[in-house]
C-alpha cells in the first residue's frame, strides 16, 4: 500500500509502535496511513509517533471496518468432533493475518511462532502457541499475542487458546521465511 494522508473523523485509541503504550488520537488530526494489512492500520501522527489501529476503528480513518478474524464460516462447530488437521490449517492461516506493525510481514513468515500445539478436547481443539518478538524490548508483544489469540479463538472448533511469549531461543533473521527475507532485501 502506498502512503495515504487522512483526517481522523473521531477520537480513536491506538497503540504506539514499538512501545506498546495506548494513546488517543483526537478527531480532526491528520495522520498518514503507512500500512493496512491483516485488518489493522499503522499510521504516523503529526508528532512523529507510529501507531497501530484495530480494524474495528477503520471508520475513524474513513475506511470500512475490517472484520476481526479470518476464520471459515463453514468449518467444524464446537462439539461436532472437530478435525485437528483442519483446525491446524485454519490456525496457521489466522496467524498469517497478524502483521508486524512496522513492516509488511506476518508473524509466521517473520519466524515469530516457535510452537503451535493442538490437542483434541471434548469435541473441539485447544491451541497452545509459543511465540517471540524480534527484540526483548518490543512493547508490541502483548498486542500481537492478544491478536493471535483472538483470531484463533474465532476459528470454529477451537475450545481454548493460549499464546505465550518466550525469549529462548532468541529470535534472529535466520528464522524468517525465504519470502520474508526477499521482501526485506535480505535474500
N, C-alpha and C. Protein backbone atom coordinates (compact mmCIF):
# COMPACT_ATOMS: atom_id res chain seq x y z
N UNK A 1 0.85 -1.18 0.00
CA UNK A 1 0.00 0.00 0.00
C UNK A 1 0.89 1.23 0.00
N UNK A 2 0.52 2.20 -0.81
CA UNK A 2 1.24 3.47 -0.78
C UNK A 2 0.70 4.29 0.39
N UNK A 3 1.48 5.24 0.81
CA UNK A 3 1.07 6.08 1.94
C UNK A 3 -0.13 6.93 1.56
N UNK A 4 -1.01 7.11 2.52
CA UNK A 4 -2.22 7.91 2.30
C UNK A 4 -2.44 8.80 3.52
N UNK A 5 -2.64 10.08 3.28
CA UNK A 5 -2.91 11.01 4.37
C UNK A 5 -4.41 11.19 4.51
N UNK A 6 -4.90 11.06 5.76
CA UNK A 6 -6.34 11.19 6.04
C UNK A 6 -6.52 12.04 7.30
N UNK A 7 -7.73 12.56 7.46
CA UNK A 7 -8.11 13.28 8.67
C UNK A 7 -8.92 12.32 9.54
N UNK A 8 -8.54 12.19 10.81
CA UNK A 8 -9.25 11.31 11.74
C UNK A 8 -10.64 11.90 11.99
N UNK A 9 -11.68 11.08 11.79
CA UNK A 9 -13.06 11.57 11.85
C UNK A 9 -13.70 11.48 13.24
N UNK A 10 -13.03 10.82 14.16
CA UNK A 10 -13.50 10.73 15.55
C UNK A 10 -12.30 10.39 16.43
N UNK A 11 -12.40 10.66 17.72
CA UNK A 11 -11.36 10.24 18.64
C UNK A 11 -11.19 8.73 18.53
N UNK A 12 -9.95 8.27 18.50
CA UNK A 12 -9.71 6.84 18.34
C UNK A 12 -8.48 6.43 19.16
N UNK A 13 -8.61 5.28 19.82
CA UNK A 13 -7.49 4.74 20.58
C UNK A 13 -6.55 4.00 19.64
N UNK A 14 -5.25 4.13 19.91
CA UNK A 14 -4.23 3.45 19.11
C UNK A 14 -3.12 2.97 20.05
N UNK A 15 -2.24 2.13 19.53
CA UNK A 15 -1.11 1.61 20.30
C UNK A 15 0.17 2.13 19.65
N UNK A 16 1.02 2.79 20.45
CA UNK A 16 2.28 3.32 19.94
C UNK A 16 3.22 2.16 19.63
N UNK A 17 3.83 2.22 18.46
CA UNK A 17 4.77 1.20 18.00
C UNK A 17 6.18 1.75 18.16
N UNK A 18 7.13 1.05 18.72
CA UNK A 18 7.04 -0.29 19.27
C UNK A 18 6.80 -0.33 20.77
N UNK A 19 6.59 0.81 21.41
CA UNK A 19 6.48 0.87 22.87
C UNK A 19 5.31 0.09 23.43
N UNK A 20 4.18 0.05 22.70
CA UNK A 20 3.00 -0.67 23.17
C UNK A 20 2.09 0.16 24.05
N UNK A 21 2.41 1.46 24.26
CA UNK A 21 1.57 2.34 25.07
C UNK A 21 0.32 2.73 24.29
N UNK A 22 -0.79 2.89 25.02
CA UNK A 22 -2.05 3.30 24.38
C UNK A 22 -2.12 4.82 24.37
N UNK A 23 -2.58 5.36 23.24
CA UNK A 23 -2.77 6.80 23.10
C UNK A 23 -4.14 7.05 22.49
N UNK A 24 -4.58 8.29 22.60
CA UNK A 24 -5.82 8.71 21.95
C UNK A 24 -5.44 9.68 20.84
N UNK A 25 -5.85 9.36 19.63
CA UNK A 25 -5.66 10.28 18.51
C UNK A 25 -6.96 11.04 18.37
N UNK A 26 -6.93 12.36 18.56
CA UNK A 26 -8.18 13.13 18.54
C UNK A 26 -8.75 13.36 17.15
N UNK A 27 -10.04 13.53 17.11
CA UNK A 27 -10.75 13.88 15.88
C UNK A 27 -10.11 15.12 15.27
N UNK A 28 -10.02 15.14 13.94
CA UNK A 28 -9.51 16.31 13.23
C UNK A 28 -8.01 16.29 12.97
N UNK A 29 -7.28 15.33 13.55
CA UNK A 29 -5.84 15.23 13.36
C UNK A 29 -5.55 14.57 12.01
N UNK A 30 -4.55 15.08 11.32
CA UNK A 30 -4.12 14.49 10.06
C UNK A 30 -3.07 13.42 10.35
N UNK A 31 -3.30 12.21 9.86
CA UNK A 31 -2.35 11.10 10.02
C UNK A 31 -2.04 10.53 8.64
N UNK A 32 -0.92 9.83 8.57
CA UNK A 32 -0.54 9.16 7.33
C UNK A 32 -0.61 7.66 7.56
N UNK A 33 -1.42 6.99 6.76
CA UNK A 33 -1.52 5.53 6.82
C UNK A 33 -0.32 4.97 6.07
N UNK A 34 0.50 4.18 6.78
CA UNK A 34 1.68 3.59 6.16
C UNK A 34 1.51 2.12 5.85
N UNK A 35 0.55 1.48 6.52
CA UNK A 35 0.35 0.05 6.32
C UNK A 35 -1.09 -0.31 6.67
N UNK A 36 -1.69 -1.15 5.85
CA UNK A 36 -3.04 -1.66 6.08
C UNK A 36 -3.03 -3.13 5.71
N UNK A 37 -2.70 -3.97 6.71
CA UNK A 37 -2.58 -5.40 6.47
C UNK A 37 -3.20 -6.18 7.62
N UNK A 38 -3.80 -7.32 7.30
CA UNK A 38 -4.33 -8.20 8.34
C UNK A 38 -5.44 -7.57 9.15
N UNK A 39 -6.08 -6.54 8.62
CA UNK A 39 -7.19 -5.93 9.33
C UNK A 39 -6.77 -4.87 10.33
N UNK A 40 -5.51 -4.45 10.31
CA UNK A 40 -5.06 -3.37 11.19
C UNK A 40 -4.43 -2.27 10.34
N UNK A 41 -4.29 -1.10 10.94
CA UNK A 41 -3.72 0.05 10.23
C UNK A 41 -2.56 0.60 11.04
N UNK A 42 -1.47 0.92 10.37
CA UNK A 42 -0.35 1.61 11.00
C UNK A 42 -0.35 3.03 10.46
N UNK A 43 -0.29 4.01 11.37
CA UNK A 43 -0.31 5.42 10.98
C UNK A 43 0.85 6.15 11.61
N UNK A 44 1.21 7.27 11.01
CA UNK A 44 2.17 8.21 11.60
C UNK A 44 1.38 9.45 11.98
N UNK A 45 1.54 9.87 13.24
CA UNK A 45 0.83 11.05 13.74
C UNK A 45 1.66 12.30 13.47
N UNK A 46 1.06 13.50 13.61
CA UNK A 46 1.81 14.73 13.37
C UNK A 46 3.03 14.89 14.30
N UNK A 47 3.01 14.25 15.46
CA UNK A 47 4.14 14.34 16.39
C UNK A 47 5.21 13.30 16.09
N UNK A 48 5.02 12.54 15.01
CA UNK A 48 6.01 11.55 14.61
C UNK A 48 5.85 10.19 15.24
N UNK A 49 4.78 9.98 15.99
CA UNK A 49 4.54 8.66 16.57
C UNK A 49 4.04 7.71 15.50
N UNK A 50 4.53 6.49 15.55
CA UNK A 50 3.94 5.42 14.74
C UNK A 50 2.94 4.74 15.66
N UNK A 51 1.72 4.51 15.16
CA UNK A 51 0.68 3.91 15.99
C UNK A 51 -0.12 2.90 15.18
N UNK A 52 -0.69 1.93 15.87
CA UNK A 52 -1.46 0.87 15.24
C UNK A 52 -2.90 0.97 15.70
N UNK A 53 -3.82 0.92 14.72
CA UNK A 53 -5.25 0.95 15.00
C UNK A 53 -5.87 -0.38 14.63
N UNK A 54 -6.83 -0.82 15.42
CA UNK A 54 -7.57 -2.04 15.12
C UNK A 54 -8.48 -1.81 13.92
N UNK A 55 -8.78 -2.90 13.20
CA UNK A 55 -9.67 -2.82 12.05
C UNK A 55 -11.06 -2.34 12.40
N UNK A 56 -11.51 -2.59 13.65
CA UNK A 56 -12.84 -2.14 14.06
C UNK A 56 -12.92 -0.61 14.10
N UNK A 57 -11.77 0.06 14.12
CA UNK A 57 -11.73 1.52 14.15
C UNK A 57 -11.43 2.13 12.79
N UNK A 58 -11.54 1.34 11.74
CA UNK A 58 -11.23 1.81 10.39
C UNK A 58 -12.05 3.04 10.00
N UNK A 59 -13.29 3.11 10.51
CA UNK A 59 -14.15 4.25 10.16
C UNK A 59 -13.54 5.57 10.59
N UNK A 60 -12.73 5.57 11.66
CA UNK A 60 -12.07 6.81 12.12
C UNK A 60 -11.06 7.31 11.10
N UNK A 61 -10.65 6.43 10.18
CA UNK A 61 -9.72 6.79 9.11
C UNK A 61 -10.44 6.96 7.77
N UNK A 62 -11.77 6.87 7.81
CA UNK A 62 -12.54 6.97 6.57
C UNK A 62 -12.54 5.69 5.77
N UNK A 63 -12.26 4.58 6.42
CA UNK A 63 -12.20 3.27 5.76
C UNK A 63 -13.34 2.39 6.28
N UNK A 64 -13.60 1.31 5.57
CA UNK A 64 -14.61 0.35 6.01
C UNK A 64 -14.06 -0.47 7.16
N UNK A 65 -14.86 -0.67 8.23
CA UNK A 65 -14.40 -1.52 9.33
C UNK A 65 -14.05 -2.91 8.82
N UNK A 66 -12.99 -3.47 9.38
CA UNK A 66 -12.48 -4.78 8.97
C UNK A 66 -12.93 -5.82 9.98
N UNK A 67 -13.57 -6.90 9.50
CA UNK A 67 -13.98 -7.96 10.43
C UNK A 67 -12.77 -8.50 11.18
N UNK A 68 -13.01 -9.00 12.42
CA UNK A 68 -11.93 -9.45 13.29
C UNK A 68 -11.12 -10.62 12.78
N UNK A 69 -11.72 -11.78 12.63
CA UNK A 69 -10.94 -12.97 12.30
C UNK A 69 -11.25 -13.46 10.90
N UNK A 70 -10.31 -14.19 10.36
CA UNK A 70 -10.45 -14.74 9.02
C UNK A 70 -10.86 -16.20 9.06
N UNK A 71 -11.57 -16.59 10.09
CA UNK A 71 -11.97 -18.00 10.24
C UNK A 71 -13.05 -18.36 9.24
N UNK A 72 -13.03 -19.59 8.80
CA UNK A 72 -14.01 -20.07 7.84
C UNK A 72 -15.36 -20.30 8.51
N UNK A 73 -16.40 -19.77 7.92
CA UNK A 73 -17.75 -19.93 8.48
C UNK A 73 -18.27 -21.35 8.25
N UNK A 74 -17.61 -22.11 7.38
CA UNK A 74 -18.08 -23.46 7.09
C UNK A 74 -17.28 -24.52 7.83
N UNK A 75 -16.38 -24.11 8.69
CA UNK A 75 -15.55 -25.06 9.44
C UNK A 75 -16.34 -25.82 10.48
N UNK A 76 -15.70 -26.73 11.16
CA UNK A 76 -16.38 -27.53 12.18
C UNK A 76 -16.86 -26.67 13.33
N UNK A 77 -17.94 -27.07 13.92
CA UNK A 77 -18.51 -26.35 15.07
C UNK A 77 -18.07 -27.04 16.36
N UNK A 78 -17.91 -26.28 17.44
CA UNK A 78 -17.57 -26.92 18.71
C UNK A 78 -18.58 -28.01 19.04
N UNK A 79 -18.06 -29.12 19.53
CA UNK A 79 -18.94 -30.23 19.90
C UNK A 79 -19.22 -31.16 18.74
N UNK A 80 -18.75 -30.82 17.54
CA UNK A 80 -19.05 -31.64 16.37
C UNK A 80 -17.89 -32.56 16.01
N UNK A 81 -16.95 -32.79 16.94
CA UNK A 81 -15.82 -33.66 16.64
C UNK A 81 -14.86 -33.01 15.67
N UNK A 82 -14.39 -31.84 15.99
CA UNK A 82 -13.51 -31.07 15.12
C UNK A 82 -12.29 -31.87 14.69
N UNK A 83 -11.95 -31.79 13.42
CA UNK A 83 -10.78 -32.44 12.87
C UNK A 83 -9.55 -31.58 13.19
N UNK A 84 -8.60 -32.14 13.95
CA UNK A 84 -7.42 -31.40 14.38
C UNK A 84 -6.62 -30.88 13.18
N UNK A 85 -6.48 -31.69 12.15
CA UNK A 85 -5.73 -31.26 10.97
C UNK A 85 -6.36 -30.06 10.28
N UNK A 86 -7.68 -30.09 10.15
CA UNK A 86 -8.38 -28.97 9.53
C UNK A 86 -8.26 -27.71 10.37
N UNK A 87 -8.41 -27.86 11.68
CA UNK A 87 -8.28 -26.71 12.58
C UNK A 87 -6.85 -26.17 12.54
N UNK A 88 -5.86 -27.06 12.48
CA UNK A 88 -4.46 -26.60 12.43
C UNK A 88 -4.21 -25.73 11.20
N UNK A 89 -4.75 -26.14 10.06
CA UNK A 89 -4.60 -25.33 8.84
C UNK A 89 -5.21 -23.95 9.05
N UNK A 90 -6.39 -23.89 9.68
CA UNK A 90 -7.05 -22.62 9.93
C UNK A 90 -6.28 -21.77 10.95
N UNK A 91 -5.65 -22.42 11.93
CA UNK A 91 -4.84 -21.70 12.91
C UNK A 91 -3.67 -21.01 12.22
N UNK A 92 -2.96 -21.75 11.38
CA UNK A 92 -1.82 -21.15 10.67
C UNK A 92 -2.28 -20.03 9.74
N UNK A 93 -3.43 -20.22 9.08
CA UNK A 93 -3.98 -19.16 8.22
C UNK A 93 -4.30 -17.92 9.05
N UNK A 94 -4.87 -18.12 10.24
CA UNK A 94 -5.20 -16.99 11.12
C UNK A 94 -3.94 -16.26 11.58
N UNK A 95 -2.91 -17.02 11.94
CA UNK A 95 -1.65 -16.40 12.38
C UNK A 95 -0.99 -15.61 11.25
N UNK A 96 -1.21 -16.04 10.02
CA UNK A 96 -0.65 -15.31 8.87
C UNK A 96 -1.38 -13.98 8.62
N UNK A 97 -2.46 -13.74 9.36
CA UNK A 97 -3.18 -12.47 9.26
C UNK A 97 -2.75 -11.48 10.34
N UNK A 98 -1.80 -11.87 11.18
CA UNK A 98 -1.28 -10.99 12.22
C UNK A 98 0.04 -10.43 11.71
N UNK A 99 0.09 -9.12 11.49
CA UNK A 99 1.24 -8.47 10.88
C UNK A 99 2.03 -7.63 11.86
N UNK A 100 3.33 -7.63 11.67
CA UNK A 100 4.19 -6.69 12.38
C UNK A 100 3.75 -5.29 11.95
N UNK A 101 3.51 -4.38 12.90
CA UNK A 101 3.01 -3.06 12.53
C UNK A 101 4.04 -2.16 11.85
N UNK A 102 5.31 -2.54 11.91
CA UNK A 102 6.34 -1.69 11.31
C UNK A 102 6.74 -2.13 9.91
N UNK A 103 6.59 -3.41 9.61
CA UNK A 103 6.99 -3.92 8.30
C UNK A 103 5.88 -4.82 7.77
N UNK A 104 5.75 -4.92 6.46
CA UNK A 104 4.63 -5.67 5.87
C UNK A 104 4.84 -7.18 5.83
N UNK A 105 5.17 -7.76 6.98
CA UNK A 105 5.41 -9.20 7.06
C UNK A 105 4.60 -9.76 8.23
N UNK A 106 3.95 -10.90 8.00
CA UNK A 106 3.17 -11.52 9.08
C UNK A 106 4.08 -12.25 10.06
N UNK A 107 3.53 -12.57 11.24
CA UNK A 107 4.35 -13.15 12.31
C UNK A 107 4.82 -14.56 12.00
N UNK A 108 4.13 -15.28 11.13
CA UNK A 108 4.58 -16.62 10.74
C UNK A 108 5.82 -16.50 9.86
N UNK A 109 5.75 -15.66 8.82
CA UNK A 109 6.88 -15.51 7.92
C UNK A 109 8.07 -14.82 8.58
N UNK A 110 7.81 -14.02 9.61
CA UNK A 110 8.92 -13.43 10.37
C UNK A 110 9.62 -14.46 11.26
N UNK A 111 8.99 -15.61 11.44
CA UNK A 111 9.58 -16.65 12.27
C UNK A 111 9.35 -16.42 13.75
N UNK A 112 8.27 -15.70 14.09
CA UNK A 112 7.98 -15.41 15.49
C UNK A 112 7.20 -16.52 16.19
N UNK A 113 6.66 -17.47 15.42
CA UNK A 113 5.93 -18.59 16.02
C UNK A 113 6.90 -19.75 16.20
N UNK A 114 7.18 -20.08 17.45
CA UNK A 114 8.13 -21.15 17.77
C UNK A 114 7.43 -22.50 17.88
N UNK A 115 6.20 -22.51 18.37
CA UNK A 115 5.49 -23.77 18.54
C UNK A 115 3.99 -23.53 18.43
N UNK A 116 3.32 -24.48 17.77
CA UNK A 116 1.86 -24.45 17.67
C UNK A 116 1.40 -25.88 17.97
N UNK A 117 0.78 -26.03 19.13
CA UNK A 117 0.37 -27.36 19.59
C UNK A 117 -1.16 -27.39 19.67
N UNK A 118 -1.77 -28.41 19.06
CA UNK A 118 -3.21 -28.59 19.10
C UNK A 118 -3.53 -29.90 19.81
N UNK A 119 -4.51 -29.86 20.71
CA UNK A 119 -4.91 -31.03 21.48
C UNK A 119 -6.42 -31.18 21.39
N UNK A 120 -6.88 -32.39 21.02
CA UNK A 120 -8.32 -32.65 20.99
C UNK A 120 -8.88 -32.50 22.40
N UNK A 121 -10.09 -31.89 22.48
CA UNK A 121 -10.66 -31.58 23.79
C UNK A 121 -12.17 -31.62 23.72
N UNK A 122 -12.79 -32.68 24.19
CA UNK A 122 -14.26 -32.77 24.29
C UNK A 122 -14.99 -32.20 23.08
N UNK A 123 -14.69 -32.73 21.90
CA UNK A 123 -15.40 -32.29 20.70
C UNK A 123 -14.84 -31.04 20.07
N UNK A 124 -13.73 -30.56 20.56
CA UNK A 124 -13.09 -29.37 19.99
C UNK A 124 -11.59 -29.52 20.07
N UNK A 125 -10.91 -28.39 19.90
CA UNK A 125 -9.46 -28.39 19.90
C UNK A 125 -8.96 -27.24 20.74
N UNK A 126 -8.00 -27.53 21.64
CA UNK A 126 -7.30 -26.48 22.38
C UNK A 126 -6.01 -26.19 21.64
N UNK A 127 -5.65 -24.90 21.58
CA UNK A 127 -4.46 -24.48 20.85
C UNK A 127 -3.51 -23.78 21.82
N UNK A 128 -2.25 -24.20 21.79
CA UNK A 128 -1.21 -23.57 22.60
C UNK A 128 -0.11 -23.09 21.65
N UNK A 129 0.22 -21.81 21.78
CA UNK A 129 1.22 -21.19 20.91
C UNK A 129 2.38 -20.69 21.77
N UNK A 130 3.59 -20.88 21.29
CA UNK A 130 4.76 -20.20 21.84
C UNK A 130 5.26 -19.29 20.75
N UNK A 131 5.40 -18.01 21.09
CA UNK A 131 5.84 -17.03 20.11
C UNK A 131 6.85 -16.10 20.75
N UNK A 132 7.55 -15.34 19.93
CA UNK A 132 8.54 -14.40 20.43
C UNK A 132 8.39 -13.09 19.69
N UNK A 133 9.23 -12.16 20.01
CA UNK A 133 9.31 -10.86 19.31
C UNK A 133 10.72 -10.74 18.73
N UNK A 134 10.89 -9.81 17.82
CA UNK A 134 12.21 -9.64 17.21
C UNK A 134 13.23 -9.07 18.19
N UNK A 135 12.75 -8.41 19.26
CA UNK A 135 13.65 -7.86 20.28
C UNK A 135 12.97 -7.91 21.64
N UNK A 136 13.71 -8.22 22.70
CA UNK A 136 13.11 -8.31 24.03
C UNK A 136 12.44 -7.01 24.50
N UNK A 137 12.87 -5.87 24.05
CA UNK A 137 12.27 -4.61 24.49
C UNK A 137 11.04 -4.20 23.72
N UNK A 138 10.58 -5.02 22.79
CA UNK A 138 9.42 -4.67 21.97
C UNK A 138 8.15 -4.63 22.82
N UNK A 139 7.53 -3.48 22.88
CA UNK A 139 6.30 -3.31 23.64
C UNK A 139 5.06 -3.85 22.95
N UNK A 140 5.19 -4.31 21.73
CA UNK A 140 4.05 -4.80 20.97
C UNK A 140 3.75 -6.27 21.26
N UNK A 141 4.54 -6.93 22.09
CA UNK A 141 4.36 -8.34 22.36
C UNK A 141 2.97 -8.68 22.83
N UNK A 142 2.47 -7.98 23.84
CA UNK A 142 1.14 -8.28 24.36
C UNK A 142 0.05 -7.98 23.33
N UNK A 143 0.27 -6.97 22.50
CA UNK A 143 -0.71 -6.61 21.47
C UNK A 143 -0.79 -7.72 20.42
N UNK A 144 0.37 -8.16 19.92
CA UNK A 144 0.39 -9.21 18.90
C UNK A 144 -0.06 -10.56 19.47
N UNK A 145 0.30 -10.85 20.72
CA UNK A 145 -0.15 -12.09 21.37
C UNK A 145 -1.67 -12.10 21.48
N UNK A 146 -2.25 -10.98 21.93
CA UNK A 146 -3.71 -10.89 22.09
C UNK A 146 -4.41 -11.00 20.73
N UNK A 147 -3.84 -10.40 19.70
CA UNK A 147 -4.45 -10.50 18.37
C UNK A 147 -4.40 -11.94 17.87
N UNK A 148 -3.27 -12.62 18.07
CA UNK A 148 -3.16 -14.02 17.66
C UNK A 148 -4.20 -14.87 18.39
N UNK A 149 -4.32 -14.69 19.71
CA UNK A 149 -5.30 -15.45 20.48
C UNK A 149 -6.72 -15.17 19.99
N UNK A 150 -7.04 -13.92 19.74
CA UNK A 150 -8.38 -13.55 19.29
C UNK A 150 -8.72 -14.20 17.95
N UNK A 151 -7.79 -14.13 17.02
CA UNK A 151 -8.04 -14.72 15.70
C UNK A 151 -8.22 -16.24 15.79
N UNK A 152 -7.41 -16.89 16.62
CA UNK A 152 -7.52 -18.34 16.77
C UNK A 152 -8.81 -18.70 17.50
N UNK A 153 -9.16 -17.93 18.52
CA UNK A 153 -10.38 -18.19 19.31
C UNK A 153 -11.62 -18.17 18.41
N UNK A 154 -11.62 -17.38 17.34
CA UNK A 154 -12.77 -17.25 16.46
C UNK A 154 -12.89 -18.38 15.44
N UNK A 155 -11.93 -19.30 15.42
CA UNK A 155 -12.00 -20.42 14.48
C UNK A 155 -13.00 -21.45 15.00
N UNK A 156 -13.98 -21.82 14.18
CA UNK A 156 -14.93 -22.85 14.60
C UNK A 156 -14.19 -24.13 14.99
N UNK A 157 -14.56 -24.69 16.13
CA UNK A 157 -13.94 -25.91 16.61
C UNK A 157 -12.89 -25.67 17.69
N UNK A 158 -12.42 -24.44 17.82
CA UNK A 158 -11.43 -24.14 18.86
C UNK A 158 -12.17 -23.90 20.17
N UNK A 159 -11.79 -24.66 21.20
CA UNK A 159 -12.45 -24.54 22.51
C UNK A 159 -11.59 -23.78 23.52
N UNK A 160 -10.34 -23.52 23.17
CA UNK A 160 -9.46 -22.76 24.06
C UNK A 160 -8.19 -22.41 23.33
N UNK A 161 -7.59 -21.29 23.74
CA UNK A 161 -6.32 -20.87 23.13
C UNK A 161 -5.49 -20.13 24.16
N UNK A 162 -4.20 -20.40 24.11
CA UNK A 162 -3.26 -19.67 24.96
C UNK A 162 -1.98 -19.46 24.17
N UNK A 163 -1.59 -18.20 24.07
CA UNK A 163 -0.32 -17.86 23.42
C UNK A 163 0.61 -17.31 24.49
N UNK A 164 1.83 -17.79 24.46
CA UNK A 164 2.83 -17.39 25.44
C UNK A 164 4.01 -16.78 24.71
N UNK A 165 4.52 -15.66 25.22
CA UNK A 165 5.72 -15.06 24.64
C UNK A 165 6.93 -15.63 25.36
N UNK A 166 7.87 -16.16 24.57
CA UNK A 166 9.09 -16.74 25.10
C UNK A 166 10.30 -16.02 24.49
N UNK A 167 11.41 -16.10 25.17
CA UNK A 167 12.61 -15.39 24.69
C UNK A 167 13.77 -16.34 24.41
N UNK A 168 13.54 -17.63 24.61
CA UNK A 168 14.60 -18.60 24.39
C UNK A 168 14.10 -19.66 23.43
N UNK A 169 14.74 -19.86 22.32
CA UNK A 169 15.96 -19.18 21.88
C UNK A 169 15.66 -17.77 21.37
N UNK A 170 16.64 -16.89 21.43
CA UNK A 170 16.43 -15.54 20.91
C UNK A 170 16.13 -15.58 19.41
N UNK A 171 15.26 -14.68 18.97
CA UNK A 171 14.94 -14.58 17.55
C UNK A 171 16.13 -14.02 16.79
N UNK A 172 16.32 -14.49 15.57
CA UNK A 172 17.28 -13.87 14.65
C UNK A 172 16.74 -14.02 13.23
N UNK A 173 17.36 -13.34 12.30
CA UNK A 173 16.86 -13.27 10.92
C UNK A 173 16.80 -14.63 10.23
N UNK A 174 17.55 -15.60 10.70
CA UNK A 174 17.54 -16.92 10.07
C UNK A 174 16.19 -17.61 10.24
N UNK A 175 15.35 -17.13 11.15
CA UNK A 175 14.04 -17.73 11.40
C UNK A 175 12.99 -17.28 10.38
N UNK A 176 13.30 -16.23 9.63
CA UNK A 176 12.34 -15.71 8.64
C UNK A 176 12.22 -16.66 7.46
N UNK A 177 11.04 -16.66 6.85
CA UNK A 177 10.86 -17.43 5.62
C UNK A 177 11.68 -16.79 4.51
N UNK A 178 11.94 -17.56 3.48
CA UNK A 178 12.69 -17.03 2.34
C UNK A 178 11.96 -15.84 1.72
N UNK A 179 10.62 -15.94 1.64
CA UNK A 179 9.83 -14.84 1.08
C UNK A 179 9.99 -13.56 1.90
N UNK A 180 10.00 -13.70 3.24
CA UNK A 180 10.17 -12.54 4.10
C UNK A 180 11.55 -11.92 3.93
N UNK A 181 12.58 -12.76 3.84
CA UNK A 181 13.95 -12.25 3.65
C UNK A 181 14.04 -11.50 2.32
N UNK A 182 13.42 -12.03 1.27
CA UNK A 182 13.44 -11.36 -0.02
C UNK A 182 12.69 -10.03 0.04
N UNK A 183 11.53 -10.04 0.69
CA UNK A 183 10.72 -8.82 0.83
C UNK A 183 11.49 -7.70 1.53
N UNK A 184 12.31 -8.09 2.51
CA UNK A 184 13.06 -7.11 3.28
C UNK A 184 14.45 -6.85 2.71
N UNK A 185 14.78 -7.50 1.59
CA UNK A 185 16.07 -7.26 0.95
C UNK A 185 17.23 -7.99 1.58
N UNK A 186 16.93 -9.08 2.33
CA UNK A 186 17.99 -9.85 2.97
C UNK A 186 18.36 -11.09 2.14
N UNK A 187 17.69 -11.30 1.02
CA UNK A 187 17.83 -12.53 0.28
C UNK A 187 18.92 -12.58 -0.69
